[in-house]
Every structure is written in C-alpha cells, then in structure tokens.
Amino acid sequence: MVEYKVWIDDNGIIRCVVGGSHRKRDAQEVIDDIKKHSKEMGKARILLDICNIEESTSDARRVYVNFIKKESRILEKLALHGKKAMQRVMANFIIVASGCEKEVRYFRKEKEAL
C-alpha cells in the first residue's frame, strides 16, 4: 500500500511525497490528486519526492508516463527527487518513456529540484 501526500506549497508548487510499495492503482490515486490541485493553477510546477518508495511496479511507472504524455500541456515543470539508485532508474525510465525530457528532470537533492 502506498503512502502519499499532495499539497500546494507557499511558492505555488504542487508537492507530492510518495512512500511504500507502489502499484498501478496507487500511482493512479497520486495522479488524480495532482490533477485536482493542478486545475487551480493553469500550468503546474510539480515536485514529486520518491525518496521513500520501497518498490514500484512497471504498471505504476506506466501510469506516470501516460500522465506526462497526455497532460504535458498542463506541466510547466516536473521534478522527480530521489536518493537511491533504484529511484534514479525508475525516474529515468519515466522521463525517457514520456518523451518530455525538457519538462521532466530527476534530482538527487530536494534543494536542486526546487
């Protein structure tokens, strides 16, 4: 089961912290929450903190890829932030598969991602 929190910070960035085991329906819940917040903003800047993800299925990663592809018009920027090698590999798969390398980037440190 995934643990996550989505909110808009004082700088207008949609922040999302995700942890635990990440399955397809979990990823869809996170995306649905992000979409709700982005409706208020027009073009959205999103910071997705994946530091606490223990595992992620390929179906969950595909949910993110499809979101980025279909909703790229609402994305100003999407930063993925993680620390482990597995998280970097997962993030790079999402970035390359989405074809949105200009809008989506991976960072090891939250400060750099912001």
PDB file of N, CA and C in Angstrom:
ATOM      1  N   MET A   1       0.842  -1.181   0.000  1.00  0.00           N
ATOM      2  CA  MET A   1       0.000   0.000   0.000  1.00  0.00           C
ATOM      3  C   MET A   1       0.889   1.247   0.000  1.00  0.00           C
ATOM      4  N   VAL A   2       0.502   2.220  -0.796  1.00  0.00           N
ATOM      5  CA  VAL A   2       1.284   3.433  -0.919  1.00  0.00           C
ATOM      6  C   VAL A   2       0.857   4.453   0.134  1.00  0.00           C
ATOM      7  N   GLU A   3       1.825   5.190   0.589  1.00  0.00           N
ATOM      8  CA  GLU A   3       1.571   6.306   1.488  1.00  0.00           C
ATOM      9  C   GLU A   3       1.949   7.548   0.705  1.00  0.00           C
ATOM     10  N   TYR A   4       1.065   8.535   0.666  1.00  0.00           N
ATOM     11  CA  TYR A   4       1.411   9.742  -0.077  1.00  0.00           C
ATOM     12  C   TYR A   4       0.670  10.953   0.473  1.00  0.00           C
ATOM     13  N   LYS A   5       1.194  12.115   0.117  1.00  0.00           N
ATOM     14  CA  LYS A   5       0.579  13.387   0.492  1.00  0.00           C
ATOM     15  C   LYS A   5       0.802  14.353  -0.669  1.00  0.00           C
ATOM     16  N   VAL A   6      -0.236  15.084  -1.054  1.00  0.00           N
ATOM     17  CA  VAL A   6      -0.151  16.078  -2.118  1.00  0.00           C
ATOM     18  C   VAL A   6      -0.685  17.397  -1.583  1.00  0.00           C
ATOM     19  N   TRP A   7       0.067  18.492  -1.835  1.00  0.00           N
ATOM     20  CA  TRP A   7      -0.374  19.823  -1.413  1.00  0.00           C
ATOM     21  C   TRP A   7       0.298  20.883  -2.277  1.00  0.00           C
ATOM     22  N   ILE A   8      -0.214  22.093  -2.190  1.00  0.00           N
ATOM     23  CA  ILE A   8       0.404  23.220  -2.886  1.00  0.00           C
ATOM     24  C   ILE A   8       1.147  24.039  -1.841  1.00  0.00           C
ATOM     25  N   ASP A   9       2.461  24.243  -2.074  1.00  0.00           N
ATOM     26  CA  ASP A   9       3.249  24.992  -1.090  1.00  0.00           C
ATOM     27  C   ASP A   9       3.094  26.500  -1.290  1.00  0.00           C
ATOM     28  N   ASP A  10       3.759  27.265  -0.459  1.00  0.00           N
ATOM     29  CA  ASP A  10       3.644  28.727  -0.489  1.00  0.00           C
ATOM     30  C   ASP A  10       4.174  29.347  -1.782  1.00  0.00           C
ATOM     31  N   ASN A  11       4.983  28.607  -2.533  1.00  0.00           N
ATOM     32  CA  ASN A  11       5.540  29.105  -3.799  1.00  0.00           C
ATOM     33  C   ASN A  11       4.721  28.666  -5.013  1.00  0.00           C
ATOM     34  N   GLY A  12       3.576  28.034  -4.757  1.00  0.00           N
ATOM     35  CA  GLY A  12       2.720  27.595  -5.856  1.00  0.00           C
ATOM     36  C   GLY A  12       3.179  26.317  -6.529  1.00  0.00           C
ATOM     37  N   ILE A  13       4.017  25.556  -5.851  1.00  0.00           N
ATOM     38  CA  ILE A  13       4.499  24.278  -6.381  1.00  0.00           C
ATOM     39  C   ILE A  13       3.635  23.164  -5.809  1.00  0.00           C
ATOM     40  N   ILE A  14       3.170  22.287  -6.691  1.00  0.00           N
ATOM     41  CA  ILE A  14       2.440  21.115  -6.218  1.00  0.00           C
ATOM     42  C   ILE A  14       3.479  20.126  -5.714  1.00  0.00           C
ATOM     43  N   ARG A  15       3.415  19.852  -4.427  1.00  0.00           N
ATOM     44  CA  ARG A  15       4.381  18.949  -3.796  1.00  0.00           C
ATOM     45  C   ARG A  15       3.699  17.607  -3.540  1.00  0.00           C
ATOM     46  N   CYS A  16       4.421  16.545  -3.824  1.00  0.00           N
ATOM     47  CA  CYS A  16       3.901  15.208  -3.597  1.00  0.00           C
ATOM     48  C   CYS A  16       5.011  14.350  -3.006  1.00  0.00           C
ATOM     49  N   VAL A  17       4.736  13.749  -1.873  1.00  0.00           N
ATOM     50  CA  VAL A  17       5.669  12.836  -1.227  1.00  0.00           C
ATOM     51  C   VAL A  17       5.030  11.450  -1.263  1.00  0.00           C
ATOM     52  N   VAL A  18       5.763  10.501  -1.842  1.00  0.00           N
ATOM     53  CA  VAL A  18       5.247   9.147  -2.026  1.00  0.00           C
ATOM     54  C   VAL A  18       6.166   8.158  -1.325  1.00  0.00           C
ATOM     55  N   GLY A  19       5.583   7.161  -0.663  1.00  0.00           N
ATOM     56  CA  GLY A  19       6.390   6.143   0.003  1.00  0.00           C
ATOM     57  C   GLY A  19       5.701   4.793  -0.029  1.00  0.00           C
ATOM     58  N   GLY A  20       6.418   3.783   0.418  1.00  0.00           N
ATOM     59  CA  GLY A  20       5.867   2.439   0.491  1.00  0.00           C
ATOM     60  C   GLY A  20       5.960   1.688  -0.819  1.00  0.00           C
ATOM     61  N   SER A  21       5.139   0.657  -0.953  1.00  0.00           N
ATOM     62  CA  SER A  21       5.073  -0.143  -2.177  1.00  0.00           C
ATOM     63  C   SER A  21       4.141   0.561  -3.153  1.00  0.00           C
ATOM     64  N   HIS A  22       4.574   0.687  -4.380  1.00  0.00           N
ATOM     65  CA  HIS A  22       3.868   1.496  -5.370  1.00  0.00           C
ATOM     66  C   HIS A  22       3.315   0.606  -6.475  1.00  0.00           C
ATOM     67  N   ARG A  23       1.997   0.501  -6.537  1.00  0.00           N
ATOM     68  CA  ARG A  23       1.307  -0.314  -7.541  1.00  0.00           C
ATOM     69  C   ARG A  23       0.535   0.605  -8.493  1.00  0.00           C
ATOM     70  N   LYS A  24      -0.065   0.018  -9.518  1.00  0.00           N
ATOM     71  CA  LYS A  24      -0.785   0.792 -10.534  1.00  0.00           C
ATOM     72  C   LYS A  24      -1.883   1.659  -9.914  1.00  0.00           C
ATOM     73  N   ARG A  25      -2.736   1.075  -9.083  1.00  0.00           N
ATOM     74  CA  ARG A  25      -3.850   1.858  -8.520  1.00  0.00           C
ATOM     75  C   ARG A  25      -3.336   2.943  -7.582  1.00  0.00           C
ATOM     76  N   ASP A  26      -2.198   2.690  -6.912  1.00  0.00           N
ATOM     77  CA  ASP A  26      -1.599   3.705  -6.045  1.00  0.00           C
ATOM     78  C   ASP A  26      -1.129   4.898  -6.873  1.00  0.00           C
ATOM     79  N   ALA A  27      -0.450   4.606  -7.977  1.00  0.00           N
ATOM     80  CA  ALA A  27       0.027   5.673  -8.860  1.00  0.00           C
ATOM     81  C   ALA A  27      -1.152   6.473  -9.400  1.00  0.00           C
ATOM     82  N   GLN A  28      -2.243   5.791  -9.732  1.00  0.00           N
ATOM     83  CA  GLN A  28      -3.417   6.492 -10.260  1.00  0.00           C
ATOM     84  C   GLN A  28      -4.021   7.414  -9.203  1.00  0.00           C
ATOM     85  N   GLU A  29      -4.047   6.983  -7.945  1.00  0.00           N
ATOM     86  CA  GLU A  29      -4.538   7.842  -6.858  1.00  0.00           C
ATOM     87  C   GLU A  29      -3.696   9.108  -6.740  1.00  0.00           C
ATOM     88  N   VAL A  30      -2.388   8.941  -6.803  1.00  0.00           N
ATOM     89  CA  VAL A  30      -1.475  10.089  -6.712  1.00  0.00           C
ATOM     90  C   VAL A  30      -1.729  11.039  -7.880  1.00  0.00           C
ATOM     91  N   ILE A  31      -1.823  10.505  -9.092  1.00  0.00           N
ATOM     92  CA  ILE A  31      -2.061  11.325 -10.286  1.00  0.00           C
ATOM     93  C   ILE A  31      -3.394  12.050 -10.177  1.00  0.00           C
ATOM     94  N   ASP A  32      -4.434  11.366  -9.726  1.00  0.00           N
ATOM     95  CA  ASP A  32      -5.746  12.004  -9.583  1.00  0.00           C
ATOM     96  C   ASP A  32      -5.675  13.180  -8.617  1.00  0.00           C
ATOM     97  N   ASP A  33      -4.946  13.015  -7.530  1.00  0.00           N
ATOM     98  CA  ASP A  33      -4.775  14.096  -6.560  1.00  0.00           C
ATOM     99  C   ASP A  33      -3.986  15.264  -7.166  1.00  0.00           C
ATOM    100  N   ILE A  34      -2.943  14.955  -7.912  1.00  0.00           N
ATOM    101  CA  ILE A  34      -2.152  16.003  -8.579  1.00  0.00           C
ATOM    102  C   ILE A  34      -3.029  16.766  -9.570  1.00  0.00           C
ATOM    103  N   LYS A  35      -3.852  16.055 -10.327  1.00  0.00           N
ATOM    104  CA  LYS A  35      -4.735  16.701 -11.300  1.00  0.00           C
ATOM    105  C   LYS A  35      -5.709  17.658 -10.616  1.00  0.00           C
ATOM    106  N   LYS A  36      -6.264  17.247  -9.462  1.00  0.00           N
ATOM    107  CA  LYS A  36      -7.183  18.124  -8.724  1.00  0.00           C
ATOM    108  C   LYS A  36      -6.502  19.438  -8.363  1.00  0.00           C
ATOM    109  N   HIS A  37      -5.276  19.340  -7.879  1.00  0.00           N
ATOM    110  CA  HIS A  37      -4.536  20.542  -7.491  1.00  0.00           C
ATOM    111  C   HIS A  37      -4.136  21.383  -8.709  1.00  0.00           C
ATOM    112  N   SER A  38      -3.795  20.729  -9.800  1.00  0.00           N
ATOM    113  CA  SER A  38      -3.321  21.463 -10.976  1.00  0.00           C
ATOM    114  C   SER A  38      -4.439  22.238 -11.661  1.00  0.00           C
ATOM    115  N   LYS A  39      -5.680  21.824 -11.489  1.00  0.00           N
ATOM    116  CA  LYS A  39      -6.805  22.543 -12.091  1.00  0.00           C
ATOM    117  C   LYS A  39      -6.881  23.980 -11.586  1.00  0.00           C
ATOM    118  N   GLU A  40      -6.426  24.199 -10.373  1.00  0.00           N
ATOM    119  CA  GLU A  40      -6.462  25.532  -9.780  1.00  0.00           C
ATOM    120  C   GLU A  40      -5.348  26.430 -10.307  1.00  0.00           C
ATOM    121  N   MET A  41      -4.369  25.858 -11.008  1.00  0.00           N
ATOM    122  CA  MET A  41      -3.145  26.585 -11.263  1.00  0.00           C
ATOM    123  C   MET A  41      -2.840  26.923 -12.718  1.00  0.00           C
ATOM    124  N   GLY A  42      -3.522  26.334 -13.680  1.00  0.00           N
ATOM    125  CA  GLY A  42      -3.095  26.504 -15.069  1.00  0.00           C
ATOM    126  C   GLY A  42      -1.887  25.614 -15.306  1.00  0.00           C
ATOM    127  N   LYS A  43      -0.782  26.188 -15.761  1.00  0.00           N
ATOM    128  CA  LYS A  43       0.465  25.419 -15.926  1.00  0.00           C
ATOM    129  C   LYS A  43       1.027  25.099 -14.548  1.00  0.00           C
ATOM    130  N   ALA A  44       1.304  23.841 -14.304  1.00  0.00           N
ATOM    131  CA  ALA A  44       1.709  23.408 -12.974  1.00  0.00           C
ATOM    132  C   ALA A  44       3.196  23.100 -12.892  1.00  0.00           C
ATOM    133  N   ARG A  45       3.780  23.495 -11.758  1.00  0.00           N
ATOM    134  CA  ARG A  45       5.129  23.060 -11.395  1.00  0.00           C
ATOM    135  C   ARG A  45       4.948  22.024 -10.305  1.00  0.00           C
ATOM    136  N   ILE A  46       5.532  20.843 -10.518  1.00  0.00           N
ATOM    137  CA  ILE A  46       5.313  19.718  -9.611  1.00  0.00           C
ATOM    138  C   ILE A  46       6.645  19.176  -9.125  1.00  0.00           C
ATOM    139  N   LEU A  47       6.728  18.929  -7.818  1.00  0.00           N
ATOM    140  CA  LEU A  47       7.885  18.259  -7.225  1.00  0.00           C
ATOM    141  C   LEU A  47       7.394  16.940  -6.641  1.00  0.00           C
ATOM    142  N   LEU A  48       7.875  15.843  -7.207  1.00  0.00           N
ATOM    143  CA  LEU A  48       7.486  14.505  -6.772  1.00  0.00           C
ATOM    144  C   LEU A  48       8.657  13.882  -6.023  1.00  0.00           C
ATOM    145  N   ASP A  49       8.505  13.748  -4.706  1.00  0.00           N
ATOM    146  CA  ASP A  49       9.534  13.190  -3.837  1.00  0.00           C
ATOM    147  C   ASP A  49       9.329  11.677  -3.762  1.00  0.00           C
ATOM    148  N   ILE A  50      10.275  10.924  -4.346  1.00  0.00           N
ATOM    149  CA  ILE A  50      10.170   9.464  -4.379  1.00  0.00           C
ATOM    150  C   ILE A  50      11.188   8.789  -3.459  1.00  0.00           C
ATOM    151  N   CYS A  51      11.754   9.551  -2.536  1.00  0.00           N
ATOM    152  CA  CYS A  51      12.805   9.031  -1.644  1.00  0.00           C
ATOM    153  C   CYS A  51      12.354   7.844  -0.798  1.00  0.00           C
ATOM    154  N   ASN A  52      11.067   7.774  -0.475  1.00  0.00           N
ATOM    155  CA  ASN A  52      10.592   6.729   0.432  1.00  0.00           C
ATOM    156  C   ASN A  52       9.872   5.588  -0.264  1.00  0.00           C
ATOM    157  N   ILE A  53       9.974   5.529  -1.593  1.00  0.00           N
ATOM    158  CA  ILE A  53       9.376   4.401  -2.315  1.00  0.00           C
ATOM    159  C   ILE A  53      10.260   3.175  -2.095  1.00  0.00           C
ATOM    160  N   GLU A  54       9.638   2.110  -1.631  1.00  0.00           N
ATOM    161  CA  GLU A  54      10.371   0.868  -1.382  1.00  0.00           C
ATOM    162  C   GLU A  54      10.451   0.010  -2.640  1.00  0.00           C
ATOM    163  N   GLU A  55       9.367  -0.007  -3.408  1.00  0.00           N
ATOM    164  CA  GLU A  55       9.328  -0.742  -4.666  1.00  0.00           C
ATOM    165  C   GLU A  55       8.254  -0.121  -5.544  1.00  0.00           C
ATOM    166  N   SER A  56       8.389  -0.337  -6.862  1.00  0.00           N
ATOM    167  CA  SER A  56       7.448   0.231  -7.818  1.00  0.00           C
ATOM    168  C   SER A  56       7.267  -0.750  -8.969  1.00  0.00           C
ATOM    169  N   THR A  57       6.015  -1.041  -9.314  1.00  0.00           N
ATOM    170  CA  THR A  57       5.761  -1.958 -10.424  1.00  0.00           C
ATOM    171  C   THR A  57       5.872  -1.214 -11.748  1.00  0.00           C
ATOM    172  N   SER A  58       6.074  -1.966 -12.820  1.00  0.00           N
ATOM    173  CA  SER A  58       6.144  -1.342 -14.145  1.00  0.00           C
ATOM    174  C   SER A  58       4.803  -0.705 -14.504  1.00  0.00           C
ATOM    175  N   ASP A  59       3.695  -1.287 -14.044  1.00  0.00           N
ATOM    176  CA  ASP A  59       2.377  -0.693 -14.295  1.00  0.00           C
ATOM    177  C   ASP A  59       2.252   0.672 -13.621  1.00  0.00           C
ATOM    178  N   ALA A  60       2.798   0.804 -12.428  1.00  0.00           N
ATOM    179  CA  ALA A  60       2.759   2.098 -11.732  1.00  0.00           C
ATOM    180  C   ALA A  60       3.575   3.123 -12.509  1.00  0.00           C
ATOM    181  N   ARG A  61       4.730   2.742 -12.988  1.00  0.00           N
ATOM    182  CA  ARG A  61       5.563   3.672 -13.764  1.00  0.00           C
ATOM    183  C   ARG A  61       4.871   4.080 -15.057  1.00  0.00           C
ATOM    184  N   ARG A  62       4.157   3.156 -15.674  1.00  0.00           N
ATOM    185  CA  ARG A  62       3.419   3.473 -16.907  1.00  0.00           C
ATOM    186  C   ARG A  62       2.323   4.494 -16.654  1.00  0.00           C
ATOM    187  N   VAL A  63       1.707   4.453 -15.484  1.00  0.00           N
ATOM    188  CA  VAL A  63       0.682   5.446 -15.136  1.00  0.00           C
ATOM    189  C   VAL A  63       1.295   6.843 -15.177  1.00  0.00           C
ATOM    190  N   TYR A  64       2.488   6.995 -14.616  1.00  0.00           N
ATOM    191  CA  TYR A  64       3.159   8.296 -14.634  1.00  0.00           C
ATOM    192  C   TYR A  64       3.543   8.704 -16.052  1.00  0.00           C
ATOM    193  N   VAL A  65       4.038   7.756 -16.835  1.00  0.00           N
ATOM    194  CA  VAL A  65       4.416   8.048 -18.222  1.00  0.00           C
ATOM    195  C   VAL A  65       3.196   8.543 -18.993  1.00  0.00           C
ATOM    196  N   ASN A  66       2.085   7.843 -18.858  1.00  0.00           N
ATOM    197  CA  ASN A  66       0.868   8.237 -19.568  1.00  0.00           C
ATOM    198  C   ASN A  66       0.356   9.595 -19.107  1.00  0.00           C
ATOM    199  N   PHE A  67       0.445   9.860 -17.823  1.00  0.00           N
ATOM    200  CA  PHE A  67       0.040  11.173 -17.301  1.00  0.00           C
ATOM    201  C   PHE A  67       0.875  12.275 -17.934  1.00  0.00           C
ATOM    202  N   ILE A  68       2.175  12.089 -17.961  1.00  0.00           N
ATOM    203  CA  ILE A  68       3.065  13.115 -18.517  1.00  0.00           C
ATOM    204  C   ILE A  68       2.782  13.310 -20.006  1.00  0.00           C
ATOM    205  N   LYS A  69       2.612  12.225 -20.740  1.00  0.00           N
ATOM    206  CA  LYS A  69       2.332  12.335 -22.177  1.00  0.00           C
ATOM    207  C   LYS A  69       1.007  13.053 -22.441  1.00  0.00           C
ATOM    208  N   LYS A  70      -0.036  12.629 -21.748  1.00  0.00           N
ATOM    209  CA  LYS A  70      -1.378  13.168 -22.003  1.00  0.00           C
ATOM    210  C   LYS A  70      -1.576  14.560 -21.428  1.00  0.00           C
ATOM    211  N   GLU A  71      -0.917  14.849 -20.326  1.00  0.00           N
ATOM    212  CA  GLU A  71      -1.155  16.118 -19.636  1.00  0.00           C
ATOM    213  C   GLU A  71       0.018  17.083 -19.767  1.00  0.00           C
ATOM    214  N   SER A  72       0.871  16.878 -20.741  1.00  0.00           N
ATOM    215  CA  SER A  72       2.055  17.738 -20.867  1.00  0.00           C
ATOM    216  C   SER A  72       1.679  19.207 -21.048  1.00  0.00           C
ATOM    217  N   ARG A  73       0.483  19.467 -21.558  1.00  0.00           N
ATOM    218  CA  ARG A  73       0.049  20.855 -21.739  1.00  0.00           C
ATOM    219  C   ARG A  73      -0.153  21.579 -20.402  1.00  0.00           C
ATOM    220  N   ILE A  74      -0.410  20.837 -19.327  1.00  0.00           N
ATOM    221  CA  ILE A  74      -0.589  21.489 -18.019  1.00  0.00           C
ATOM    222  C   ILE A  74       0.708  21.510 -17.212  1.00  0.00           C
ATOM    223  N   LEU A  75       1.751  20.844 -17.706  1.00  0.00           N
ATOM    224  CA  LEU A  75       3.012  20.782 -16.973  1.00  0.00           C
ATOM    225  C   LEU A  75       3.950  21.904 -17.401  1.00  0.00           C
ATOM    226  N   GLU A  76       4.277  22.760 -16.476  1.00  0.00           N
ATOM    227  CA  GLU A  76       5.363  23.697 -16.738  1.00  0.00           C
ATOM    228  C   GLU A  76       6.678  22.969 -16.502  1.00  0.00           C
ATOM    229  N   LYS A  77       6.782  22.346 -15.338  1.00  0.00           N
ATOM    230  CA  LYS A  77       7.962  21.549 -14.975  1.00  0.00           C
ATOM    231  C   LYS A  77       7.522  20.452 -14.011  1.00  0.00           C
ATOM    232  N   LEU A  78       8.202  19.307 -14.104  1.00  0.00           N
ATOM    233  CA  LEU A  78       8.019  18.215 -13.153  1.00  0.00           C
ATOM    234  C   LEU A  78       9.402  17.759 -12.730  1.00  0.00           C
ATOM    235  N   ALA A  79       9.679  17.855 -11.439  1.00  0.00           N
ATOM    236  CA  ALA A  79      10.959  17.408 -10.890  1.00  0.00           C
ATOM    237  C   ALA A  79      10.714  16.173 -10.041  1.00  0.00           C
ATOM    238  N   LEU A  80      11.474  15.127 -10.319  1.00  0.00           N
ATOM    239  CA  LEU A  80      11.459  13.909  -9.515  1.00  0.00           C
ATOM    240  C   LEU A  80      12.688  13.948  -8.623  1.00  0.00           C
ATOM    241  N   HIS A  81      12.485  13.662  -7.349  1.00  0.00           N
ATOM    242  CA  HIS A  81      13.577  13.765  -6.375  1.00  0.00           C
ATOM    243  C   HIS A  81      13.687  12.447  -5.622  1.00  0.00           C
ATOM    244  N   GLY A  82      14.872  11.812  -5.722  1.00  0.00           N
ATOM    245  CA  GLY A  82      15.120  10.560  -5.024  1.00  0.00           C
ATOM    246  C   GLY A  82      16.595  10.427  -4.700  1.00  0.00           C
ATOM    247  N   LYS A  83      16.939   9.456  -3.877  1.00  0.00           N
ATOM    248  CA  LYS A  83      18.328   9.313  -3.431  1.00  0.00           C
ATOM    249  C   LYS A  83      18.957   7.974  -3.803  1.00  0.00           C
ATOM    250  N   LYS A  84      18.145   6.957  -3.987  1.00  0.00           N
ATOM    251  CA  LYS A  84      18.672   5.619  -4.231  1.00  0.00           C
ATOM    252  C   LYS A  84      18.805   5.343  -5.722  1.00  0.00           C
ATOM    253  N   ALA A  85      19.684   4.402  -6.062  1.00  0.00           N
ATOM    254  CA  ALA A  85      19.907   4.035  -7.468  1.00  0.00           C
ATOM    255  C   ALA A  85      18.609   3.549  -8.113  1.00  0.00           C
ATOM    256  N   MET A  86      17.822   2.749  -7.403  1.00  0.00           N
ATOM    257  CA  MET A  86      16.560   2.236  -7.932  1.00  0.00           C
ATOM    258  C   MET A  86      15.621   3.383  -8.276  1.00  0.00           C
ATOM    259  N   GLN A  87      15.604   4.417  -7.466  1.00  0.00           N
ATOM    260  CA  GLN A  87      14.733   5.564  -7.716  1.00  0.00           C
ATOM    261  C   GLN A  87      15.198   6.341  -8.953  1.00  0.00           C
ATOM    262  N   ARG A  88      16.494   6.455  -9.126  1.00  0.00           N
ATOM    263  CA  ARG A  88      17.046   7.129 -10.303  1.00  0.00           C
ATOM    264  C   ARG A  88      16.685   6.367 -11.571  1.00  0.00           C
ATOM    265  N   VAL A  89      16.815   5.043 -11.535  1.00  0.00           N
ATOM    266  CA  VAL A  89      16.468   4.211 -12.685  1.00  0.00           C
ATOM    267  C   VAL A  89      14.982   4.352 -13.008  1.00  0.00           C
ATOM    268  N   MET A  90      14.142   4.299 -11.979  1.00  0.00           N
ATOM    269  CA  MET A  90      12.703   4.441 -12.158  1.00  0.00           C
ATOM    270  C   MET A  90      12.374   5.810 -12.766  1.00  0.00           C
ATOM    271  N   ALA A  91      12.975   6.861 -12.233  1.00  0.00           N
ATOM    272  CA  ALA A  91      12.732   8.218 -12.729  1.00  0.00           C
ATOM    273  C   ALA A  91      13.200   8.359 -14.175  1.00  0.00           C
ATOM    274  N   ASN A  92      14.366   7.827 -14.486  1.00  0.00           N
ATOM    275  CA  ASN A  92      14.875   7.932 -15.854  1.00  0.00           C
ATOM    276  C   ASN A  92      13.999   7.177 -16.849  1.00  0.00           C
ATOM    277  N   PHE A  93      13.454   6.043 -16.435  1.00  0.00           N
ATOM    278  CA  PHE A  93      12.509   5.327 -17.295  1.00  0.00           C
ATOM    279  C   PHE A  93      11.300   6.211 -17.591  1.00  0.00           C
ATOM    280  N   ILE A  94      10.756   6.825 -16.567  1.00  0.00           N
ATOM    281  CA  ILE A  94       9.573   7.682 -16.733  1.00  0.00           C
ATOM    282  C   ILE A  94       9.891   8.853 -17.661  1.00  0.00           C
ATOM    283  N   ILE A  95      11.025   9.466 -17.460  1.00  0.00           N
ATOM    284  CA  ILE A  95      11.413  10.639 -18.262  1.00  0.00           C
ATOM    285  C   ILE A  95      11.581  10.268 -19.732  1.00  0.00           C
ATOM    286  N   VAL A  96      12.364   9.234 -20.003  1.00  0.00           N
ATOM    287  CA  VAL A  96      12.638   8.834 -21.385  1.00  0.00           C
ATOM    288  C   VAL A  96      11.365   8.326 -22.069  1.00  0.00           C
ATOM    289  N   ALA A  97      10.600   7.495 -21.380  1.00  0.00           N
ATOM    290  CA  ALA A  97       9.393   6.924 -21.974  1.00  0.00           C
ATOM    291  C   ALA A  97       8.332   7.988 -22.255  1.00  0.00           C
ATOM    292  N   SER A  98       8.325   9.057 -21.490  1.00  0.00           N
ATOM    293  CA  SER A  98       7.331  10.117 -21.701  1.00  0.00           C
ATOM    294  C   SER A  98       7.687  11.000 -22.889  1.00  0.00           C
ATOM    295  N   GLY A  99       8.981  11.050 -23.230  1.00  0.00           N
ATOM    296  CA  GLY A  99       9.425  11.911 -24.312  1.00  0.00           C
ATOM    297  C   GLY A  99       9.410  13.385 -23.956  1.00  0.00           C
ATOM    298  N   CYS A 100       9.370  13.690 -22.676  1.00  0.00           N
ATOM    299  CA  CYS A 100       9.271  15.080 -22.212  1.00  0.00           C
ATOM    300  C   CYS A 100      10.504  15.466 -21.399  1.00  0.00           C
ATOM    301  N   GLU A 101      11.678  15.231 -21.962  1.00  0.00           N
ATOM    302  CA  GLU A 101      12.925  15.491 -21.247  1.00  0.00           C
ATOM    303  C   GLU A 101      13.109  16.961 -20.872  1.00  0.00           C
ATOM    304  N   LYS A 102      12.496  17.873 -21.606  1.00  0.00           N
ATOM    305  CA  LYS A 102      12.627  19.297 -21.282  1.00  0.00           C
ATOM    306  C   LYS A 102      11.782  19.689 -20.073  1.00  0.00           C
ATOM    307  N   GLU A 103      10.633  19.042 -19.909  1.00  0.00           N
ATOM    308  CA  GLU A 103       9.723  19.383 -18.820  1.00  0.00           C
ATOM    309  C   GLU A 103       9.959  18.579 -17.547  1.00  0.00           C
ATOM    310  N   VAL A 104      10.600  17.416 -17.685  1.00  0.00           N
ATOM    311  CA  VAL A 104      10.738  16.492 -16.551  1.00  0.00           C
ATOM    312  C   VAL A 104      12.218  16.192 -16.320  1.00  0.00           C
ATOM    313  N   ARG A 105      12.642  16.326 -15.053  1.00  0.00           N
ATOM    314  CA  ARG A 105      14.042  16.035 -14.705  1.00  0.00           C
ATOM    315  C   ARG A 105      14.110  15.325 -13.353  1.00  0.00           C
ATOM    316  N   TYR A 106      15.201  14.596 -13.170  1.00  0.00           N
ATOM    317  CA  TYR A 106      15.470  13.891 -11.913  1.00  0.00           C
ATOM    318  C   TYR A 106      16.585  14.611 -11.160  1.00  0.00           C
ATOM    319  N   PHE A 107      16.428  14.697  -9.845  1.00  0.00           N
ATOM    320  CA  PHE A 107      17.432  15.311  -8.975  1.00  0.00           C
ATOM    321  C   PHE A 107      17.665  14.422  -7.760  1.00  0.00           C
ATOM    322  N   ARG A 108      18.885  14.444  -7.244  1.00  0.00           N
ATOM    323  CA  ARG A 108      19.204  13.689  -6.024  1.00  0.00           C
ATOM    324  C   ARG A 108      18.874  14.482  -4.775  1.00  0.00           C
ATOM    325  N   LYS A 109      18.834  15.789  -4.872  1.00  0.00           N
ATOM    326  CA  LYS A 109      18.583  16.618  -3.694  1.00  0.00           C
ATOM    327  C   LYS A 109      17.353  17.487  -3.913  1.00  0.00           C
ATOM    328  N   GLU A 110      16.552  17.590  -2.891  1.00  0.00           N
ATOM    329  CA  GLU A 110      15.328  18.396  -2.965  1.00  0.00           C
ATOM    330  C   GLU A 110      15.638  19.855  -3.293  1.00  0.00           C
ATOM    331  N   LYS A 111      16.678  20.378  -2.699  1.00  0.00           N
ATOM    332  CA  LYS A 111      17.035  21.776  -2.935  1.00  0.00           C
ATOM    333  C   LYS A 111      17.306  22.026  -4.417  1.00  0.00           C
ATOM    334  N   GLU A 112      18.006  21.101  -5.089  1.00  0.00           N
ATOM    335  CA  GLU A 112      18.268  21.232  -6.522  1.00  0.00           C
ATOM    336  C   GLU A 112      16.975  21.117  -7.327  1.00  0.00           C
ATOM    337  N   ALA A 113      16.096  20.234  -6.925  1.00  0.00           N
ATOM    338  CA  ALA A 113      14.831  20.038  -7.623  1.00  0.00           C
ATOM    339  C   ALA A 113      13.957  21.287  -7.548  1.00  0.00           C
ATOM    340  N   LEU A 114      13.975  21.936  -6.411  1.00  0.00           N
ATOM    341  CA  LEU A 114      13.184  23.164  -6.263  1.00  0.00           C
ATOM    342  C   LEU A 114      13.750  24.264  -7.137  1.00  0.00           C
TER     343      LEU A 114
END
